[in-house]
Amino acid sequence: MIAWLFIFLAIFLVMGIPIAFSLCLSVTLTFALFSDLPLEIITQRLAANLSHFTLMAIPFFILAGVIMERGGIARRLVNLANSLVGWVHGGLALTTVLSCMFFAAISGSSAATVAAIGSIMIPAMWNSGYDKKYAVGVTATAGCLGILIPPSVTFIAYGFVTEQSIGRLFIAGIIPGIILGFSLMLVSYLVARRKNMKSGEKTTWAQKWIAFKEAFLSLLLPIIIIGGIYGVPGFKIGSFAFKGGAIFTPTEAAAVAVVYALVVSIFVHREMKFRDIPAVLYRASGTIAMLLMIITNAILFGFILTSEEIPLMLAEWIVTHDFSPWLFLLVINIVLFFAGDFLDAFAIVMIFIPVLYPAAMELGIDPIHLGVVVVVNMEMGLITPPIGIDLYVASGISGMPLYDVMRAAAPWILVVVAVLILITYVPSISLFLPNLLYGPG
């Protein structure tokens, strides 16, 4: 039965059928031909899983990212980044990476990050004489930070599947995200210096301060989100005592992000009008519908695997063959790398994690650390063909053929691989902040 499930999926993907529909068709055919369970169980499982409160955060963060792009928030973040690093060799490329780090901290989506920052920085780099492939490659790769630096919709999906704390997962992505971002900036600088790419004019401290003031409300959003999720420390002043603690859940934080982005875009920056809201909703609805379709059908795919006890059998097989944790993590990286070439990040999380997670727990691998390793693998999937979403977004923005965008992003994958190896085998990088704030998991 399971063999036919994967055979059907492979056939539909080779035929060029979108991932969501390939998952749906393969699950339905397998159920109809090889299962004794009634087809009604499909709708029951969908209703049970899609009503989960955690999943509501995904469409809200996607919508918030679109509002921020439309409302001038992305442009102000770019101006701030350019004032900080734009004056060094390859300054516009460094500005692109730093801007993606800023925007990732408020959007939660890689596609939204590439679209918002790329639409500004790719033309700017081309107009300044930067190599076209260099400009597109660094933008597409830096955009993948959108699913690592919190808030991250992929961490939400992982937490939903594994029933782990979204708050711990979010904060675990901060240090790895910073390491990857600065690694991309370092490589961008070294390549630009070797090719003698021009640098911008050095900004004064007064100019930096002006850029910071203009971007302050944009930078305040991640502070509100992170502070609200992780809680405000308690304090006592005389007879007045504040207990402290979390203000809202990650799902509620996503709704707060939408409201905040609307208020700033309409009433403060005034670059968005009430009449623009329908267009923003329409633009966000495409991405939201695509992700929910994938999640919906991937849930069914994972249900078949679970009902056939595949996760349990894999866990028992690994324990029987005495896999060491480092070898198991290597296998996970290899499996997820190839899976990322053909499946969307959400589909991978929903299909593979229910299988791999029990085995990882048997080996004593920390579930939060595993989540970070999985998400960094998903970042590579975003910039590897044929499914890499960031490649399609960068192609649409730049007008460059998809094949050329793939070639432009290929060298940058090596940077992601190097950081992935570091994060995989040094768990303290991911676990330091969660353990510091929440205690050992």
Protein backbone atom coordinates (compact mmCIF):
# COMPACT_ATOMS: atom_id res chain seq x y z
CA MET A 1 0.00 0.00 0.00
CA ILE A 2 2.72 2.48 1.00
CA ALA A 3 4.76 1.60 -2.08
CA TRP A 4 1.79 2.43 -4.31
CA LEU A 5 1.26 5.69 -2.44
CA PHE A 6 4.76 6.88 -3.33
CA ILE A 7 4.53 5.47 -6.86
CA PHE A 8 1.34 7.43 -7.51
CA LEU A 9 2.91 10.58 -6.04
CA ALA A 10 6.03 10.22 -8.19
CA ILE A 11 3.95 9.68 -11.34
CA PHE A 12 1.81 12.75 -10.73
CA LEU A 13 4.85 14.95 -9.97
CA VAL A 14 6.62 13.78 -13.14
CA MET A 15 3.46 14.64 -15.07
CA GLY A 16 3.82 18.20 -13.83
CA ILE A 17 0.70 18.21 -11.64
CA PRO A 18 1.01 20.76 -8.77
CA ILE A 19 2.15 19.32 -5.44
CA ALA A 20 -1.14 19.83 -3.60
CA PHE A 21 -3.15 18.01 -6.27
CA SER A 22 -0.50 15.29 -6.61
CA LEU A 23 -0.79 14.59 -2.89
CA CYS A 24 -4.59 14.61 -3.06
CA LEU A 25 -4.78 12.26 -6.05
CA SER A 26 -2.20 9.81 -4.69
CA VAL A 27 -3.93 9.63 -1.29
CA THR A 28 -7.41 9.22 -2.81
CA LEU A 29 -6.30 6.49 -5.23
CA THR A 30 -4.45 4.60 -2.51
CA PHE A 31 -7.44 4.80 -0.18
CA ALA A 32 -9.85 3.70 -2.89
CA LEU A 33 -7.76 0.79 -4.23
CA PHE A 34 -5.86 -0.63 -1.26
CA SER A 35 -7.53 0.42 2.00
CA ASP A 36 -10.47 -1.08 3.82
CA LEU A 37 -11.13 2.22 5.57
CA PRO A 38 -14.17 4.20 4.36
CA LEU A 39 -13.45 7.28 2.27
CA GLU A 40 -15.45 9.34 4.77
CA ILE A 41 -12.47 9.16 7.11
CA ILE A 42 -10.63 11.55 4.78
CA THR A 43 -13.02 14.41 5.49
CA GLN A 44 -13.03 13.57 9.18
CA ARG A 45 -9.24 13.80 9.38
CA LEU A 46 -9.23 17.05 7.43
CA ALA A 47 -11.83 18.64 9.68
CA ALA A 48 -9.98 17.53 12.82
CA ASN A 49 -6.58 18.81 11.71
CA LEU A 50 -7.50 22.01 9.89
CA SER A 51 -9.50 23.26 12.88
CA HIS A 52 -6.28 23.30 14.90
CA PHE A 53 -5.73 26.75 16.45
CA THR A 54 -2.00 26.80 15.62
CA LEU A 55 -2.55 26.68 11.84
CA MET A 56 -4.46 29.97 11.92
CA ALA A 57 -1.14 31.80 12.36
CA ILE A 58 0.03 30.88 8.85
CA PRO A 59 -2.47 32.94 6.80
CA PHE A 60 -2.16 35.87 9.20
CA PHE A 61 1.64 36.07 8.88
CA ILE A 62 1.38 35.78 5.08
CA LEU A 63 -1.14 38.63 5.02
CA ALA A 64 1.02 40.74 7.33
CA GLY A 65 3.99 40.30 4.97
CA VAL A 66 1.96 41.50 1.97
CA ILE A 67 0.69 44.54 3.90
CA MET A 68 4.24 45.43 4.97
CA GLU A 69 5.45 45.25 1.38
CA ARG A 70 2.60 47.43 0.12
CA GLY A 71 2.77 49.90 3.00
CA GLY A 72 6.38 51.04 2.59
CA ILE A 73 7.73 49.10 5.56
CA ALA A 74 10.10 47.05 3.38
CA ARG A 75 11.51 50.17 1.70
CA ARG A 76 12.31 51.79 5.05
CA LEU A 77 14.10 48.64 6.22
CA VAL A 78 16.17 48.70 3.02
CA ASN A 79 17.11 52.35 3.59
CA LEU A 80 18.25 51.54 7.13
CA ALA A 81 20.30 48.54 5.99
CA ASN A 82 21.88 50.58 3.20
CA SER A 83 22.90 53.31 5.63
CA LEU A 84 24.63 50.71 7.81
CA VAL A 85 26.50 48.57 5.26
CA GLY A 86 25.98 50.13 1.83
CA TRP A 87 29.35 51.88 1.80
CA VAL A 88 31.58 48.74 1.75
CA HIS A 89 32.53 46.61 -1.28
CA GLY A 90 29.37 44.99 -2.61
CA GLY A 91 27.41 47.25 -0.30
CA LEU A 92 24.11 46.80 -2.13
CA ALA A 93 24.43 43.00 -1.84
CA LEU A 94 25.13 43.31 1.89
CA THR A 95 22.18 45.68 2.14
CA THR A 96 20.02 43.04 0.46
CA VAL A 97 20.99 40.35 2.97
CA LEU A 98 20.59 42.64 5.99
CA SER A 99 17.22 43.87 4.68
CA CYS A 100 16.08 40.26 4.29
CA MET A 101 17.08 39.62 7.91
CA PHE A 102 15.05 42.63 9.04
CA PHE A 103 12.02 41.71 6.92
CA ALA A 104 12.21 38.04 7.92
CA ALA A 105 11.76 39.17 11.52
CA ILE A 106 8.35 40.62 10.69
CA SER A 107 6.97 38.50 7.83
CA GLY A 108 7.55 34.80 8.61
CA SER A 109 7.61 33.91 4.90
CA SER A 110 10.50 33.44 2.48
CA ALA A 111 8.41 34.17 -0.62
CA ALA A 112 7.19 37.44 0.92
CA THR A 113 10.77 38.36 1.86
CA VAL A 114 12.12 37.76 -1.66
CA ALA A 115 9.20 39.65 -3.21
CA ALA A 116 9.42 42.64 -0.88
CA ILE A 117 13.20 43.09 -0.79
CA GLY A 118 13.99 41.74 -4.25
CA SER A 119 11.64 44.14 -6.01
CA ILE A 120 13.68 46.99 -4.54
CA MET A 121 17.24 45.64 -4.48
CA ILE A 122 17.57 43.62 -7.70
CA PRO A 123 16.91 46.66 -9.96
CA ALA A 124 19.11 48.81 -7.69
CA MET A 125 22.05 46.39 -8.02
CA TRP A 126 21.61 46.10 -11.79
CA ASN A 127 21.48 49.88 -12.20
CA SER A 128 24.71 50.14 -10.20
CA GLY A 129 26.54 47.76 -12.53
CA TYR A 130 26.42 44.59 -10.41
CA ASP A 131 26.61 41.26 -12.21
CA LYS A 132 23.01 40.18 -12.92
CA LYS A 133 23.45 36.59 -11.71
CA TYR A 134 25.24 37.76 -8.58
CA ALA A 135 22.39 40.13 -7.72
CA VAL A 136 19.63 37.57 -8.30
CA GLY A 137 21.53 34.74 -6.58
CA VAL A 138 22.20 36.61 -3.36
CA THR A 139 18.60 37.91 -3.21
CA ALA A 140 16.97 34.52 -3.74
CA THR A 141 19.23 32.92 -1.13
CA ALA A 142 18.90 35.67 1.47
CA GLY A 143 15.13 35.50 1.11
CA CYS A 144 15.12 32.00 2.57
CA LEU A 145 15.93 33.59 5.95
CA GLY A 146 12.21 34.32 6.09
CA ILE A 147 11.47 30.82 7.40
CA LEU A 148 14.35 30.67 9.92
CA ILE A 149 14.37 34.00 11.72
CA PRO A 150 11.19 34.22 13.85
CA PRO A 151 8.32 34.46 13.29
CA SER A 152 8.40 31.53 10.88
CA VAL A 153 5.41 29.79 9.34
CA THR A 154 7.53 26.65 8.81
CA PHE A 155 8.32 26.48 12.54
CA ILE A 156 4.58 26.75 13.14
CA ALA A 157 3.96 23.75 10.87
CA TYR A 158 6.72 21.76 12.62
CA GLY A 159 5.37 22.63 16.05
CA PHE A 160 1.88 21.63 14.92
CA VAL A 161 3.07 18.19 13.76
CA THR A 162 5.34 17.46 16.73
CA GLU A 163 3.29 19.27 19.42
CA GLN A 164 6.33 21.29 20.46
CA SER A 165 6.29 24.83 21.85
CA ILE A 166 6.10 27.38 19.03
CA GLY A 167 7.73 29.92 21.35
CA ARG A 168 10.79 27.71 21.94
CA LEU A 169 11.05 26.99 18.21
CA PHE A 170 10.85 30.67 17.30
CA ILE A 171 13.57 31.70 19.68
CA ALA A 172 15.75 28.73 18.68
CA GLY A 173 15.89 30.14 15.15
CA ILE A 174 17.37 33.51 16.15
CA ILE A 175 21.07 32.62 16.50
CA PRO A 176 21.13 30.21 13.49
CA GLY A 177 19.37 32.90 11.42
CA ILE A 178 21.93 35.51 12.42
CA ILE A 179 24.81 33.13 11.66
CA LEU A 180 23.43 32.32 8.21
CA GLY A 181 22.70 35.97 7.47
CA PHE A 182 26.18 37.16 8.40
CA SER A 183 27.74 34.22 6.53
CA LEU A 184 25.93 35.35 3.38
CA MET A 185 27.09 38.91 4.01
CA LEU A 186 30.71 37.77 4.45
CA VAL A 187 30.67 35.77 1.22
CA SER A 188 28.97 38.64 -0.61
CA TYR A 189 31.71 41.01 0.56
CA LEU A 190 34.55 38.64 -0.40
CA VAL A 191 33.12 38.02 -3.88
CA ALA A 192 32.45 41.73 -4.42
CA ARG A 193 35.96 42.67 -3.31
CA ARG A 194 37.55 40.07 -5.59
CA LYS A 195 35.49 41.34 -8.54
CA ASN A 196 36.08 44.96 -7.47
CA MET A 197 32.38 45.81 -7.37
CA LYS A 198 31.61 49.39 -6.49
CA SER A 199 30.60 50.53 -3.04
CA GLY A 200 28.18 53.27 -2.11
CA GLU A 201 28.89 56.53 -0.36
CA LYS A 202 29.66 56.31 3.33
CA THR A 203 26.82 57.68 5.40
CA THR A 204 27.20 59.97 8.37
CA TRP A 205 25.89 59.18 11.81
CA ALA A 206 23.20 61.80 11.24
CA GLN A 207 22.05 59.99 8.09
CA LYS A 208 22.06 56.67 9.94
CA TRP A 209 19.93 58.21 12.68
CA ILE A 210 17.41 59.55 10.16
CA ALA A 211 17.16 56.11 8.51
CA PHE A 212 16.71 54.51 11.91
CA LYS A 213 13.92 56.92 12.90
CA GLU A 214 12.07 56.26 9.64
CA ALA A 215 12.38 52.49 10.15
CA PHE A 216 11.74 52.53 13.90
CA LEU A 217 8.08 51.54 13.74
CA SER A 218 8.97 48.76 11.31
CA LEU A 219 11.67 47.45 13.65
CA LEU A 220 9.26 47.68 16.59
CA LEU A 221 7.01 44.96 15.16
CA PRO A 222 9.35 41.99 15.83
CA ILE A 223 9.93 43.34 19.33
CA ILE A 224 6.17 43.39 19.94
CA ILE A 225 5.73 39.90 18.51
CA ILE A 226 8.68 38.34 20.30
CA GLY A 227 7.98 40.18 23.55
CA GLY A 228 4.32 39.22 23.47
CA ILE A 229 5.03 35.55 22.84
CA TYR A 230 7.93 35.11 25.26
CA GLY A 231 6.50 37.33 27.96
CA VAL A 232 7.37 40.46 29.87
CA PRO A 233 9.54 40.07 33.00
CA GLY A 234 7.79 40.63 36.27
CA PHE A 235 8.75 43.56 38.50
CA LYS A 236 7.75 45.31 41.72
CA ILE A 237 7.85 49.03 42.44
CA GLY A 238 6.83 49.78 46.02
CA SER A 239 3.35 48.40 46.54
CA PHE A 240 2.79 47.88 42.80
CA ALA A 241 3.71 44.45 41.50
CA PHE A 242 3.51 43.14 37.93
CA LYS A 243 3.43 39.38 37.64
CA GLY A 244 4.80 39.26 34.07
CA GLY A 245 4.43 36.41 31.62
CA ALA A 246 3.29 35.94 28.04
CA ILE A 247 0.79 38.39 26.58
CA PHE A 248 -0.46 36.37 23.61
CA THR A 249 0.08 33.08 21.80
CA PRO A 250 1.99 32.77 18.49
CA THR A 251 -1.33 32.52 16.66
CA GLU A 252 -2.62 35.67 18.32
CA ALA A 253 0.73 37.32 17.57
CA ALA A 254 0.09 36.76 13.86
CA ALA A 255 -3.22 38.63 14.13
CA VAL A 256 -1.46 41.41 16.07
CA ALA A 257 1.10 41.65 13.24
CA VAL A 258 -1.70 42.18 10.69
CA VAL A 259 -3.37 44.91 12.75
CA TYR A 260 -0.06 46.64 13.50
CA ALA A 261 1.01 46.54 9.84
CA LEU A 262 -2.33 48.02 8.76
CA VAL A 263 -2.18 50.83 11.32
CA VAL A 264 1.41 51.77 10.44
CA SER A 265 0.87 51.51 6.67
CA ILE A 266 -2.41 53.48 6.60
CA PHE A 267 -2.19 56.02 9.43
CA VAL A 268 1.57 56.55 9.94
CA HIS A 269 3.36 55.98 6.63
CA ARG A 270 0.19 56.75 4.67
CA GLU A 271 1.42 54.74 1.70
CA MET A 272 -1.66 52.53 1.79
CA LYS A 273 -5.33 53.50 1.64
CA PHE A 274 -8.44 51.69 2.83
CA ARG A 275 -9.37 51.15 -0.81
CA ASP A 276 -6.11 49.14 -1.25
CA ILE A 277 -7.18 46.50 1.30
CA PRO A 278 -9.20 44.36 -1.18
CA ALA A 279 -6.20 44.22 -3.55
CA VAL A 280 -3.91 43.23 -0.66
CA LEU A 281 -6.31 40.51 0.44
CA TYR A 282 -6.55 39.23 -3.12
CA ARG A 283 -2.77 39.10 -3.48
CA ALA A 284 -2.29 37.31 -0.16
CA SER A 285 -5.12 34.85 -0.82
CA GLY A 286 -3.20 33.09 -3.60
CA THR A 287 -0.26 32.23 -1.36
CA ILE A 288 -2.51 31.35 1.57
CA ALA A 289 -4.68 29.06 -0.55
CA MET A 290 -1.63 27.31 -1.99
CA LEU A 291 -0.12 26.64 1.44
CA LEU A 292 -3.38 25.45 2.97
CA MET A 293 -4.00 23.14 0.00
CA ILE A 294 -0.56 21.61 0.51
CA ILE A 295 -1.04 21.29 4.27
CA THR A 296 -4.51 19.80 3.82
CA ASN A 297 -3.41 17.05 1.48
CA ALA A 298 -0.10 16.44 3.25
CA ILE A 299 -2.06 15.76 6.44
CA LEU A 300 -3.88 12.97 4.62
CA PHE A 301 -0.59 11.66 3.22
CA GLY A 302 0.86 11.53 6.71
CA PHE A 303 -2.30 9.88 8.03
CA ILE A 304 -1.82 6.90 5.70
CA LEU A 305 1.80 6.55 6.79
CA THR A 306 0.79 6.68 10.44
CA SER A 307 -2.11 4.25 10.02
CA GLU A 308 0.33 1.74 8.47
CA GLU A 309 2.69 2.27 11.46
CA ILE A 310 5.56 3.42 9.24
CA PRO A 311 6.98 5.85 11.86
CA LEU A 312 6.97 3.10 14.52
CA MET A 313 8.65 0.59 12.18
CA LEU A 314 11.33 3.12 11.20
CA ALA A 315 12.03 3.96 14.83
CA GLU A 316 12.34 0.27 15.72
CA TRP A 317 14.59 -0.36 12.70
CA ILE A 318 16.94 2.49 13.67
CA VAL A 319 17.14 1.33 17.29
CA THR A 320 17.76 -2.28 16.17
CA HIS A 321 20.62 -1.24 13.87
CA ASP A 322 22.14 0.95 16.58
CA PHE A 323 22.23 4.24 14.63
CA SER A 324 24.25 6.90 16.41
CA PRO A 325 22.64 10.35 16.70
CA TRP A 326 25.25 11.98 14.41
CA LEU A 327 24.67 9.37 11.70
CA PHE A 328 20.90 9.72 11.99
CA LEU A 329 21.19 13.51 11.63
CA LEU A 330 23.34 12.99 8.54
CA VAL A 331 20.68 10.71 7.07
CA ILE A 332 17.99 13.30 7.85
CA ASN A 333 19.98 16.01 6.07
CA ILE A 334 20.47 13.84 2.99
CA VAL A 335 16.82 12.74 2.87
CA LEU A 336 15.45 16.26 3.36
CA PHE A 337 17.88 17.73 0.81
CA PHE A 338 16.58 15.44 -1.93
CA ALA A 339 12.99 15.81 -0.74
CA GLY A 340 13.37 19.58 -0.99
CA ASP A 341 14.11 19.22 -4.69
CA PHE A 342 10.62 17.87 -5.33
CA LEU A 343 8.34 18.89 -2.48
CA ASP A 344 7.30 22.14 -0.84
CA ALA A 345 8.55 22.83 2.70
CA PHE A 346 5.08 22.37 4.19
CA ALA A 347 4.58 19.07 2.40
CA ILE A 348 7.95 17.82 3.66
CA VAL A 349 7.18 18.78 7.26
CA MET A 350 3.76 17.14 7.12
CA ILE A 351 4.94 13.96 5.38
CA PHE A 352 8.46 13.25 6.66
CA ILE A 353 8.48 14.64 10.19
CA PRO A 354 5.79 12.26 11.55
CA VAL A 355 8.02 9.44 10.28
CA LEU A 356 11.41 10.78 11.40
CA TYR A 357 10.38 12.43 14.68
CA PRO A 358 9.72 9.22 16.71
CA ALA A 359 13.07 7.79 15.61
CA ALA A 360 14.85 11.00 16.62
CA MET A 361 13.22 10.87 20.05
CA GLU A 362 14.39 7.25 20.49
CA LEU A 363 17.95 8.46 19.89
CA GLY A 364 17.65 11.30 22.39
CA ILE A 365 17.86 14.13 19.84
CA ASP A 366 16.37 17.33 21.18
CA PRO A 367 13.12 18.09 19.32
CA ILE A 368 13.83 21.84 19.21
CA HIS A 369 17.29 21.24 17.75
CA LEU A 370 15.75 18.85 15.23
CA GLY A 371 13.25 21.54 14.26
CA VAL A 372 16.01 24.02 13.46
CA VAL A 373 17.89 21.40 11.40
CA VAL A 374 14.70 20.65 9.47
CA VAL A 375 13.99 24.33 8.74
CA VAL A 376 17.54 25.01 7.50
CA ASN A 377 17.11 22.03 5.17
CA MET A 378 13.87 23.58 3.97
CA GLU A 379 15.81 26.75 3.17
CA MET A 380 17.91 24.79 0.69
CA GLY A 381 14.73 23.41 -0.82
CA LEU A 382 13.57 26.98 -1.46
CA ILE A 383 16.54 27.64 -3.76
CA THR A 384 16.95 24.25 -5.45
CA PRO A 385 15.04 23.18 -8.58
CA PRO A 386 12.51 22.18 -9.63
CA ILE A 387 10.23 23.25 -6.76
CA GLY A 388 12.23 26.09 -5.15
CA ILE A 389 9.63 28.82 -4.57
CA ASP A 390 12.23 31.56 -4.05
CA LEU A 391 13.63 30.83 -7.52
CA TYR A 392 10.22 31.40 -9.11
CA VAL A 393 9.68 34.63 -7.17
CA ALA A 394 13.15 35.93 -8.07
CA SER A 395 12.56 35.00 -11.72
CA GLY A 396 9.27 36.87 -11.75
CA ILE A 397 10.81 39.98 -10.19
CA SER A 398 13.96 40.08 -12.33
CA GLY A 399 12.50 38.84 -15.60
CA MET A 400 15.44 36.44 -15.80
CA PRO A 401 14.65 32.95 -17.16
CA LEU A 402 14.13 30.37 -14.43
CA TYR A 403 17.09 28.28 -15.59
CA ASP A 404 19.43 31.29 -15.25
CA VAL A 405 18.07 32.03 -11.78
CA MET A 406 18.79 28.42 -10.77
CA ARG A 407 22.39 28.78 -11.95
CA ALA A 408 22.71 32.12 -10.16
CA ALA A 409 21.58 30.65 -6.83
CA ALA A 410 23.62 27.43 -7.09
CA PRO A 411 26.94 28.77 -5.62
CA TRP A 412 25.12 30.28 -2.65
CA ILE A 413 23.75 26.88 -1.67
CA LEU A 414 27.28 26.01 -0.47
CA VAL A 415 27.00 28.73 2.17
CA VAL A 416 23.72 27.28 3.42
CA VAL A 417 25.25 23.76 3.46
CA ALA A 418 28.21 24.95 5.56
CA VAL A 419 25.91 26.62 8.10
CA LEU A 420 23.65 23.53 8.13
CA ILE A 421 26.58 21.28 9.05
CA LEU A 422 27.58 23.66 11.84
CA ILE A 423 24.04 23.84 13.24
CA THR A 424 23.47 20.10 12.92
CA TYR A 425 26.49 19.05 14.97
CA VAL A 426 26.65 21.94 17.44
CA PRO A 427 23.20 21.75 19.08
CA SER A 428 24.03 24.49 21.59
CA ILE A 429 23.74 27.06 18.77
CA SER A 430 20.03 26.32 18.52
CA LEU A 431 19.35 25.48 22.17
CA PHE A 432 21.24 28.25 23.97
CA LEU A 433 18.47 30.88 23.91
CA PRO A 434 15.51 28.49 24.52
CA ASN A 435 17.30 26.92 27.48
CA LEU A 436 18.30 30.32 28.80
CA LEU A 437 14.75 31.71 28.74
CA TYR A 438 12.67 28.59 29.34
CA GLY A 439 15.08 26.21 31.05
CA PRO A 440 16.20 22.84 29.63
CA GLY A 441 13.53 21.17 27.49
